[in-house]
C-alpha atoms as a PDB file:
ATOM      1  CA  UNK A   1     119.267 113.102 117.741  1.00  0.00           C
ATOM      2  CA  UNK A   2     122.615 111.372 118.154  1.00  0.00           C
ATOM      3  CA  UNK A   3     124.172 114.734 118.972  1.00  0.00           C
ATOM      4  CA  UNK A   4     121.552 115.335 121.677  1.00  0.00           C
ATOM      5  CA  UNK A   5     122.253 111.950 123.314  1.00  0.00           C
ATOM      6  CA  UNK A   6     126.004 112.655 123.369  1.00  0.00           C
ATOM      7  CA  UNK A   7     125.447 116.035 125.062  1.00  0.00           C
ATOM      8  CA  UNK A   8     123.115 114.389 127.589  1.00  0.00           C
ATOM      9  CA  UNK A   9     125.786 111.774 128.413  1.00  0.00           C
ATOM     10  CA  UNK A  10     128.378 114.520 128.933  1.00  0.00           C
ATOM     11  CA  UNK A  11     126.070 116.424 131.276  1.00  0.00           C
ATOM     12  CA  UNK A  12     125.270 113.278 133.297  1.00  0.00           C
ATOM     13  CA  UNK A  13     128.939 112.262 133.578  1.00  0.00           C
ATOM     14  CA  UNK A  14     129.956 115.776 134.694  1.00  0.00           C
ATOM     15  CA  UNK A  15     126.974 116.058 137.025  1.00  0.00           C
ATOM     16  CA  UNK A  16     127.700 112.751 138.764  1.00  0.00           C
ATOM     17  CA  UNK A  17     131.151 114.026 139.765  1.00  0.00           C
ATOM     18  CA  UNK A  18     129.584 117.084 141.403  1.00  0.00           C
ATOM     19  CA  UNK A  19     126.859 115.036 143.078  1.00  0.00           C
ATOM     20  CA  UNK A  20     129.438 112.636 144.541  1.00  0.00           C
ATOM     21  CA  UNK A  21     131.549 115.557 145.802  1.00  0.00           C
ATOM     22  CA  UNK A  22     128.465 117.122 147.426  1.00  0.00           C
ATOM     23  CA  UNK A  23     127.570 113.807 149.121  1.00  0.00           C
ATOM     24  CA  UNK A  24     131.120 113.375 150.465  1.00  0.00           C
ATOM     25  CA  UNK A  25     131.137 116.935 151.827  1.00  0.00           C
ATOM     26  CA  UNK A  26     127.713 116.402 153.438  1.00  0.00           C
ATOM     27  CA  UNK A  27     128.915 113.170 155.065  1.00  0.00           C
ATOM     28  CA  UNK A  28     132.035 114.888 156.444  1.00  0.00           C
ATOM     29  CA  UNK A  29     129.959 117.768 157.846  1.00  0.00           C
ATOM     30  CA  UNK A  30     127.533 115.338 159.506  1.00  0.00           C
ATOM     31  CA  UNK A  31     130.347 113.325 161.106  1.00  0.00           C
ATOM     32  CA  UNK A  32     132.058 116.454 162.416  1.00  0.00           C
ATOM     33  CA  UNK A  33     128.775 117.806 163.774  1.00  0.00           C
ATOM     34  CA  UNK A  34     128.042 114.463 165.429  1.00  0.00           C
ATOM     35  CA  UNK A  35     131.466 114.298 167.116  1.00  0.00           C
ATOM     36  CA  UNK A  36     131.380 117.941 168.233  1.00  0.00           C
ATOM     37  CA  UNK A  37     127.721 117.860 169.238  1.00  0.00           C
ATOM     38  CA  UNK A  38     128.613 118.759 172.831  1.00  0.00           C
ATOM     39  CA  UNK A  39     130.195 121.968 171.594  1.00  0.00           C
ATOM     40  CA  UNK A  40     126.890 123.247 170.329  1.00  0.00           C
ATOM     41  CA  UNK A  41     124.660 121.790 173.054  1.00  0.00           C
ATOM     42  CA  UNK A  42     122.736 124.540 174.779  1.00  0.00           C
ATOM     43  CA  UNK A  43     121.431 122.341 177.566  1.00  0.00           C
ATOM     44  CA  UNK A  44     124.802 120.850 178.569  1.00  0.00           C
ATOM     45  CA  UNK A  45     125.100 123.020 181.678  1.00  0.00           C
ATOM     46  CA  UNK A  46     121.512 122.126 182.548  1.00  0.00           C
ATOM     47  CA  UNK A  47     122.510 118.444 182.537  1.00  0.00           C
ATOM     48  CA  UNK A  48     125.229 119.097 185.097  1.00  0.00           C
ATOM     49  CA  UNK A  49     122.904 121.239 187.200  1.00  0.00           C
ATOM     50  CA  UNK A  50     120.243 118.503 187.138  1.00  0.00           C
ATOM     51  CA  UNK A  51     122.789 115.836 188.101  1.00  0.00           C
ATOM     52  CA  UNK A  52     124.073 117.976 190.965  1.00  0.00           C
ATOM     53  CA  UNK A  53     120.494 118.628 192.125  1.00  0.00           C
ATOM     54  CA  UNK A  54     119.715 114.878 192.070  1.00  0.00           C
ATOM     55  CA  UNK A  55     122.811 114.112 194.154  1.00  0.00           C
ATOM     56  CA  UNK A  56     121.852 116.762 196.709  1.00  0.00           C
ATOM     57  CA  UNK A  57     118.305 115.343 196.923  1.00  0.00           C
ATOM     58  CA  UNK A  58     119.682 111.820 197.462  1.00  0.00           C
ATOM     59  CA  UNK A  59     121.903 113.071 200.292  1.00  0.00           C
ATOM     60  CA  UNK A  60     118.953 114.876 201.910  1.00  0.00           C
ATOM     61  CA  UNK A  61     116.832 111.712 201.697  1.00  0.00           C
ATOM     62  CA  UNK A  62     119.595 109.737 203.425  1.00  0.00           C
ATOM     63  CA  UNK A  63     119.832 112.371 206.174  1.00  0.00           C
ATOM     64  CA  UNK A  64     116.075 112.150 206.795  1.00  0.00           C
ATOM     65  CA  UNK A  65     116.320 108.378 207.269  1.00  0.00           C
ATOM     66  CA  UNK A  66     119.184 108.738 209.734  1.00  0.00           C
ATOM     67  CA  UNK A  67     117.290 111.348 211.770  1.00  0.00           C
ATOM     68  CA  UNK A  68     114.228 109.159 212.302  1.00  0.00           C
ATOM     69  CA  UNK A  69     114.554 107.238 215.571  1.00  0.00           C
ATOM     70  CA  UNK A  70     112.538 105.838 218.472  1.00  0.00           C
ATOM     71  CA  UNK A  71     111.853 107.693 221.727  1.00  0.00           C
ATOM     72  CA  UNK A  72     114.455 105.668 223.646  1.00  0.00           C
ATOM     73  CA  UNK A  73     117.129 106.560 221.149  1.00  0.00           C
ATOM     74  CA  UNK A  74     116.147 110.224 221.410  1.00  0.00           C
ATOM     75  CA  UNK A  75     116.660 110.173 225.204  1.00  0.00           C
ATOM     76  CA  UNK A  76     120.117 108.658 224.740  1.00  0.00           C
ATOM     77  CA  UNK A  77     120.888 111.287 222.130  1.00  0.00           C
ATOM     78  CA  UNK A  78     119.931 114.084 224.561  1.00  0.00           C
ATOM     79  CA  UNK A  79     122.269 112.687 227.257  1.00  0.00           C
ATOM     80  CA  UNK A  80     125.150 112.415 224.845  1.00  0.00           C
ATOM     81  CA  UNK A  81     124.374 115.831 223.325  1.00  0.00           C
ATOM     82  CA  UNK A  82     125.889 117.757 226.204  1.00  0.00           C
ATOM     83  CA  UNK A  83     129.106 115.744 225.968  1.00  0.00           C
ATOM     84  CA  UNK A  84     129.283 116.265 222.230  1.00  0.00           C
ATOM     85  CA  UNK A  85     128.524 120.007 222.219  1.00  0.00           C
ATOM     86  CA  UNK A  86     132.185 120.898 222.557  1.00  0.00           C
ATOM     87  CA  UNK A  87     133.188 118.444 219.813  1.00  0.00           C
ATOM     88  CA  UNK A  88     130.419 119.752 217.554  1.00  0.00           C
ATOM     89  CA  UNK A  89     131.596 123.330 217.960  1.00  0.00           C
ATOM     90  CA  UNK A  90     135.134 122.314 217.019  1.00  0.00           C
ATOM     91  CA  UNK A  91     133.897 120.237 214.066  1.00  0.00           C
ATOM     92  CA  UNK A  92     131.755 123.128 212.835  1.00  0.00           C
ATOM     93  CA  UNK A  93     134.759 125.433 212.968  1.00  0.00           C
ATOM     94  CA  UNK A  94     136.796 122.888 211.012  1.00  0.00           C
ATOM     95  CA  UNK A  95     133.963 122.495 208.476  1.00  0.00           C
ATOM     96  CA  UNK A  96     133.742 126.256 208.028  1.00  0.00           C
ATOM     97  CA  UNK A  97     137.501 126.433 207.443  1.00  0.00           C
ATOM     98  CA  UNK A  98     137.287 123.582 204.930  1.00  0.00           C
ATOM     99  CA  UNK A  99     134.396 125.248 203.110  1.00  0.00           C
ATOM    100  CA  UNK A 100     136.294 128.500 202.906  1.00  0.00           C
ATOM    101  CA  UNK A 101     139.384 126.847 201.414  1.00  0.00           C
ATOM    102  CA  UNK A 102     139.577 127.941 197.806  1.00  0.00           C
ATOM    103  CA  UNK A 103     142.109 126.634 195.327  1.00  0.00           C
ATOM    104  CA  UNK A 104     143.322 128.865 192.500  1.00  0.00           C
ATOM    105  CA  UNK A 105     144.058 127.005 189.266  1.00  0.00           C
ATOM    106  CA  UNK A 106     145.060 128.072 185.775  1.00  0.00           C
ATOM    107  CA  UNK A 107     143.937 126.029 182.760  1.00  0.00           C
ATOM    108  CA  UNK A 108     146.122 126.846 179.728  1.00  0.00           C
ATOM    109  CA  UNK A 109     144.446 127.313 176.330  1.00  0.00           C
ATOM    110  CA  UNK A 110     144.106 124.136 174.287  1.00  0.00           C
ATOM    111  CA  UNK A 111     144.253 121.818 177.313  1.00  0.00           C
ATOM    112  CA  UNK A 112     142.616 118.453 176.813  1.00  0.00           C
ATOM    113  CA  UNK A 113     140.532 116.828 179.592  1.00  0.00           C
ATOM    114  CA  UNK A 114     143.454 114.597 180.615  1.00  0.00           C
ATOM    115  CA  UNK A 115     145.734 117.627 181.124  1.00  0.00           C
ATOM    116  CA  UNK A 116     143.001 119.434 183.054  1.00  0.00           C
ATOM    117  CA  UNK A 117     142.615 116.304 185.195  1.00  0.00           C
ATOM    118  CA  UNK A 118     146.354 116.384 185.938  1.00  0.00           C
ATOM    119  CA  UNK A 119     146.081 120.033 186.999  1.00  0.00           C
ATOM    120  CA  UNK A 120     143.148 119.214 189.295  1.00  0.00           C
ATOM    121  CA  UNK A 121     145.056 116.296 190.871  1.00  0.00           C
ATOM    122  CA  UNK A 122     148.133 118.483 191.432  1.00  0.00           C
ATOM    123  CA  UNK A 123     145.996 121.155 193.097  1.00  0.00           C
ATOM    124  CA  UNK A 124     144.378 118.572 195.390  1.00  0.00           C
ATOM    125  CA  UNK A 125     140.828 119.081 194.114  1.00  0.00           C
ATOM    126  CA  UNK A 126     140.400 115.484 192.893  1.00  0.00           C
ATOM    127  CA  UNK A 127     142.108 112.174 193.601  1.00  0.00           C
ATOM    128  CA  UNK A 128     142.037 110.483 190.189  1.00  0.00           C
ATOM    129  CA  UNK A 129     142.527 112.016 186.752  1.00  0.00           C
ATOM    130  CA  UNK A 130     140.814 109.119 184.988  1.00  0.00           C
ATOM    131  CA  UNK A 131     137.691 109.536 187.123  1.00  0.00           C
ATOM    132  CA  UNK A 132     137.523 113.187 186.022  1.00  0.00           C
ATOM    133  CA  UNK A 133     138.037 112.314 182.345  1.00  0.00           C
ATOM    134  CA  UNK A 134     135.407 109.555 182.487  1.00  0.00           C
ATOM    135  CA  UNK A 135     132.873 111.871 184.139  1.00  0.00           C
ATOM    136  CA  UNK A 136     133.516 114.598 181.550  1.00  0.00           C
ATOM    137  CA  UNK A 137     133.024 112.108 178.720  1.00  0.00           C
ATOM    138  CA  UNK A 138     129.923 110.662 180.408  1.00  0.00           C
ATOM    139  CA  UNK A 139     128.389 114.142 180.611  1.00  0.00           C
ATOM    140  CA  UNK A 140     129.564 114.906 177.044  1.00  0.00           C
ATOM    141  CA  UNK A 141     131.375 118.014 178.251  1.00  0.00           C
ATOM    142  CA  UNK A 142     134.854 117.278 176.843  1.00  0.00           C
ATOM    143  CA  UNK A 143     134.525 119.999 174.210  1.00  0.00           C
ATOM    144  CA  UNK A 144     132.983 122.520 176.627  1.00  0.00           C
ATOM    145  CA  UNK A 145     135.875 122.762 179.111  1.00  0.00           C
ATOM    146  CA  UNK A 146     137.360 126.247 178.969  1.00  0.00           C
ATOM    147  CA  UNK A 147     140.778 127.647 179.703  1.00  0.00           C
ATOM    148  CA  UNK A 148     141.385 130.428 182.191  1.00  0.00           C
ATOM    149  CA  UNK A 149     141.914 131.093 185.872  1.00  0.00           C
ATOM    150  CA  UNK A 150     139.437 129.581 188.314  1.00  0.00           C
ATOM    151  CA  UNK A 151     138.788 129.604 192.024  1.00  0.00           C
ATOM    152  CA  UNK A 152     137.291 126.310 193.157  1.00  0.00           C
ATOM    153  CA  UNK A 153     136.315 125.337 196.692  1.00  0.00           C
ATOM    154  CA  UNK A 154     138.496 122.555 198.082  1.00  0.00           C
ATOM    155  CA  UNK A 155     135.520 120.341 198.983  1.00  0.00           C
ATOM    156  CA  UNK A 156     133.720 120.675 195.620  1.00  0.00           C
ATOM    157  CA  UNK A 157     132.258 117.568 194.022  1.00  0.00           C
ATOM    158  CA  UNK A 158     133.349 116.366 190.597  1.00  0.00           C
ATOM    159  CA  UNK A 159     130.138 117.669 189.021  1.00  0.00           C
ATOM    160  CA  UNK A 160     130.600 121.085 190.642  1.00  0.00           C
ATOM    161  CA  UNK A 161     134.184 121.309 189.352  1.00  0.00           C
ATOM    162  CA  UNK A 162     133.062 120.410 185.827  1.00  0.00           C
ATOM    163  CA  UNK A 163     130.282 122.989 186.044  1.00  0.00           C
ATOM    164  CA  UNK A 164     132.793 125.699 187.037  1.00  0.00           C
ATOM    165  CA  UNK A 165     135.168 124.724 184.204  1.00  0.00           C
ATOM    166  CA  UNK A 166     132.391 124.892 181.572  1.00  0.00           C
ATOM    167  CA  UNK A 167     130.987 128.317 182.460  1.00  0.00           C
END
Protein backbone atom coordinates (compact mmCIF):
# COMPACT_ATOMS: atom_id res chain seq x y z
CA UNK A 1 0.00 0.00 0.00
CA UNK A 2 2.85 2.35 0.85
CA UNK A 3 4.36 1.63 -2.56
CA UNK A 4 1.07 2.54 -4.26
CA UNK A 5 0.87 5.89 -2.42
CA UNK A 6 4.45 6.75 -3.44
CA UNK A 7 3.69 6.01 -7.11
CA UNK A 8 0.51 8.11 -6.88
CA UNK A 9 2.51 11.05 -5.45
CA UNK A 10 5.03 10.78 -8.30
CA UNK A 11 2.27 10.78 -10.91
CA UNK A 12 0.57 13.81 -9.32
CA UNK A 13 3.83 15.77 -9.03
CA UNK A 14 4.75 15.03 -12.67
CA UNK A 15 1.21 15.70 -13.86
CA UNK A 16 1.01 19.10 -12.15
CA UNK A 17 4.05 20.28 -14.13
CA UNK A 18 2.32 19.35 -17.39
CA UNK A 19 -0.98 20.89 -16.31
CA UNK A 20 0.74 24.17 -15.41
CA UNK A 21 2.59 24.21 -18.75
CA UNK A 22 -0.70 23.60 -20.60
CA UNK A 23 -2.40 26.44 -18.68
CA UNK A 24 0.45 28.86 -19.45
CA UNK A 25 0.36 27.96 -23.15
CA UNK A 26 -3.44 28.38 -23.22
CA UNK A 27 -3.15 31.80 -21.56
CA UNK A 28 -0.50 32.93 -24.08
CA UNK A 29 -2.64 31.75 -27.01
CA UNK A 30 -5.70 33.58 -25.64
CA UNK A 31 -3.76 36.83 -25.15
CA UNK A 32 -2.29 36.67 -28.65
CA UNK A 33 -5.70 35.91 -30.16
CA UNK A 34 -7.24 38.79 -28.22
CA UNK A 35 -4.59 41.28 -29.38
CA UNK A 36 -4.69 40.11 -33.00
CA UNK A 37 -8.47 39.74 -33.09
CA UNK A 38 -8.73 42.30 -35.90
CA UNK A 39 -6.53 40.09 -38.05
CA UNK A 40 -9.11 37.35 -38.06
CA UNK A 41 -12.23 39.53 -38.11
CA UNK A 42 -14.35 38.72 -41.12
CA UNK A 43 -16.69 41.65 -40.69
CA UNK A 44 -13.99 44.34 -40.36
CA UNK A 45 -14.53 45.63 -43.90
CA UNK A 46 -18.27 45.63 -43.25
CA UNK A 47 -17.67 47.97 -40.30
CA UNK A 48 -15.89 50.46 -42.54
CA UNK A 49 -18.57 50.15 -45.21
CA UNK A 50 -21.30 50.75 -42.62
CA UNK A 51 -19.47 53.78 -41.21
CA UNK A 52 -19.01 55.22 -44.70
CA UNK A 53 -22.69 54.60 -45.48
CA UNK A 54 -23.75 56.37 -42.26
CA UNK A 55 -21.60 59.40 -43.10
CA UNK A 56 -23.09 59.60 -46.60
CA UNK A 57 -26.63 59.40 -45.15
CA UNK A 58 -25.84 62.20 -42.68
CA UNK A 59 -24.56 64.40 -45.51
CA UNK A 60 -27.69 63.70 -47.57
CA UNK A 61 -29.91 64.60 -44.60
CA UNK A 62 -28.07 67.91 -44.21
CA UNK A 63 -28.50 68.65 -47.92
CA UNK A 64 -32.25 68.03 -47.67
CA UNK A 65 -32.53 70.56 -44.83
CA UNK A 66 -30.61 73.18 -46.79
CA UNK A 67 -32.82 72.70 -49.87
CA UNK A 68 -36.07 73.32 -48.01
CA UNK A 69 -37.02 77.00 -48.24
CA UNK A 70 -39.99 79.36 -48.46
CA UNK A 71 -41.53 80.62 -51.70
CA UNK A 72 -39.90 84.05 -51.36
CA UNK A 73 -36.49 82.50 -51.02
CA UNK A 74 -37.15 80.37 -54.09
CA UNK A 75 -37.92 83.48 -56.19
CA UNK A 76 -34.66 85.07 -55.05
CA UNK A 77 -32.83 81.87 -55.88
CA UNK A 78 -34.27 81.89 -59.43
CA UNK A 79 -33.08 85.49 -60.01
CA UNK A 80 -29.61 84.71 -58.77
CA UNK A 81 -29.52 81.41 -60.69
CA UNK A 82 -28.86 83.05 -64.03
CA UNK A 83 -25.95 85.02 -62.58
CA UNK A 84 -24.51 81.91 -60.98
CA UNK A 85 -24.87 79.60 -63.99
CA UNK A 86 -21.45 80.55 -65.31
CA UNK A 87 -19.84 80.11 -61.88
CA UNK A 88 -21.58 76.76 -61.43
CA UNK A 89 -20.27 75.48 -64.75
CA UNK A 90 -16.73 76.46 -63.77
CA UNK A 91 -17.12 74.93 -60.30
CA UNK A 92 -18.46 71.70 -61.79
CA UNK A 93 -15.47 71.50 -64.10
CA UNK A 94 -13.15 72.05 -61.14
CA UNK A 95 -15.02 69.40 -59.11
CA UNK A 96 -14.73 66.92 -61.96
CA UNK A 97 -10.99 67.58 -62.20
CA UNK A 98 -10.63 67.15 -58.43
CA UNK A 99 -12.60 63.90 -58.50
CA UNK A 100 -10.44 62.56 -61.29
CA UNK A 101 -7.20 63.32 -59.44
CA UNK A 102 -5.74 60.01 -58.39
CA UNK A 103 -2.67 59.63 -56.22
CA UNK A 104 -0.39 56.62 -56.66
CA UNK A 105 1.19 55.39 -53.42
CA UNK A 106 3.37 52.44 -52.50
CA UNK A 107 3.11 50.89 -49.03
CA UNK A 108 6.23 48.81 -48.29
CA UNK A 109 5.81 45.39 -46.63
CA UNK A 110 5.87 45.46 -42.84
CA UNK A 111 4.80 49.11 -42.59
CA UNK A 112 3.11 50.06 -39.35
CA UNK A 113 0.09 52.42 -39.30
CA UNK A 114 2.29 55.38 -38.32
CA UNK A 115 4.55 54.83 -41.36
CA UNK A 116 1.52 54.44 -43.62
CA UNK A 117 0.16 57.69 -42.16
CA UNK A 118 3.44 59.42 -43.04
CA UNK A 119 3.18 58.14 -46.62
CA UNK A 120 -0.41 59.41 -46.88
CA UNK A 121 0.60 62.85 -45.53
CA UNK A 122 3.51 63.07 -47.98
CA UNK A 123 1.21 62.19 -50.88
CA UNK A 124 -1.31 64.86 -49.82
CA UNK A 125 -4.18 62.45 -49.16
CA UNK A 126 -4.52 63.35 -45.46
CA UNK A 127 -3.45 66.27 -43.28
CA UNK A 128 -2.56 64.55 -40.00
CA UNK A 129 -0.83 61.22 -39.45
CA UNK A 130 -2.14 60.91 -35.89
CA UNK A 131 -5.73 61.31 -37.07
CA UNK A 132 -5.19 58.40 -39.47
CA UNK A 133 -3.58 56.22 -36.79
CA UNK A 134 -6.36 57.00 -34.29
CA UNK A 135 -9.07 56.17 -36.85
CA UNK A 136 -7.36 52.89 -37.76
CA UNK A 137 -7.13 51.92 -34.09
CA UNK A 138 -10.73 53.02 -33.48
CA UNK A 139 -11.92 50.76 -36.31
CA UNK A 140 -9.57 47.97 -35.12
CA UNK A 141 -7.97 47.77 -38.55
CA UNK A 142 -4.31 48.22 -37.55
CA UNK A 143 -3.50 44.59 -38.32
CA UNK A 144 -5.51 44.56 -41.57
CA UNK A 145 -3.58 47.27 -43.45
CA UNK A 146 -1.81 45.72 -46.42
CA UNK A 147 1.29 46.62 -48.36
CA UNK A 148 1.31 47.20 -52.09
CA UNK A 149 0.66 49.84 -54.72
CA UNK A 150 -2.61 51.75 -54.53
CA UNK A 151 -4.43 54.38 -56.52
CA UNK A 152 -6.52 56.59 -54.24
CA UNK A 153 -8.68 59.53 -55.27
CA UNK A 154 -7.35 62.83 -53.96
CA UNK A 155 -10.65 63.79 -52.29
CA UNK A 156 -11.21 60.43 -50.53
CA UNK A 157 -12.35 60.44 -46.92
CA UNK A 158 -10.31 58.82 -44.17
CA UNK A 159 -12.70 55.85 -44.03
CA UNK A 160 -12.47 55.37 -47.81
CA UNK A 161 -8.66 55.41 -47.67
CA UNK A 162 -8.64 52.83 -44.87
CA UNK A 163 -11.09 50.68 -46.83
CA UNK A 164 -8.80 50.76 -49.89
CA UNK A 165 -5.73 49.88 -47.79
CA UNK A 166 -7.46 46.87 -46.19
CA UNK A 167 -8.75 45.21 -49.36
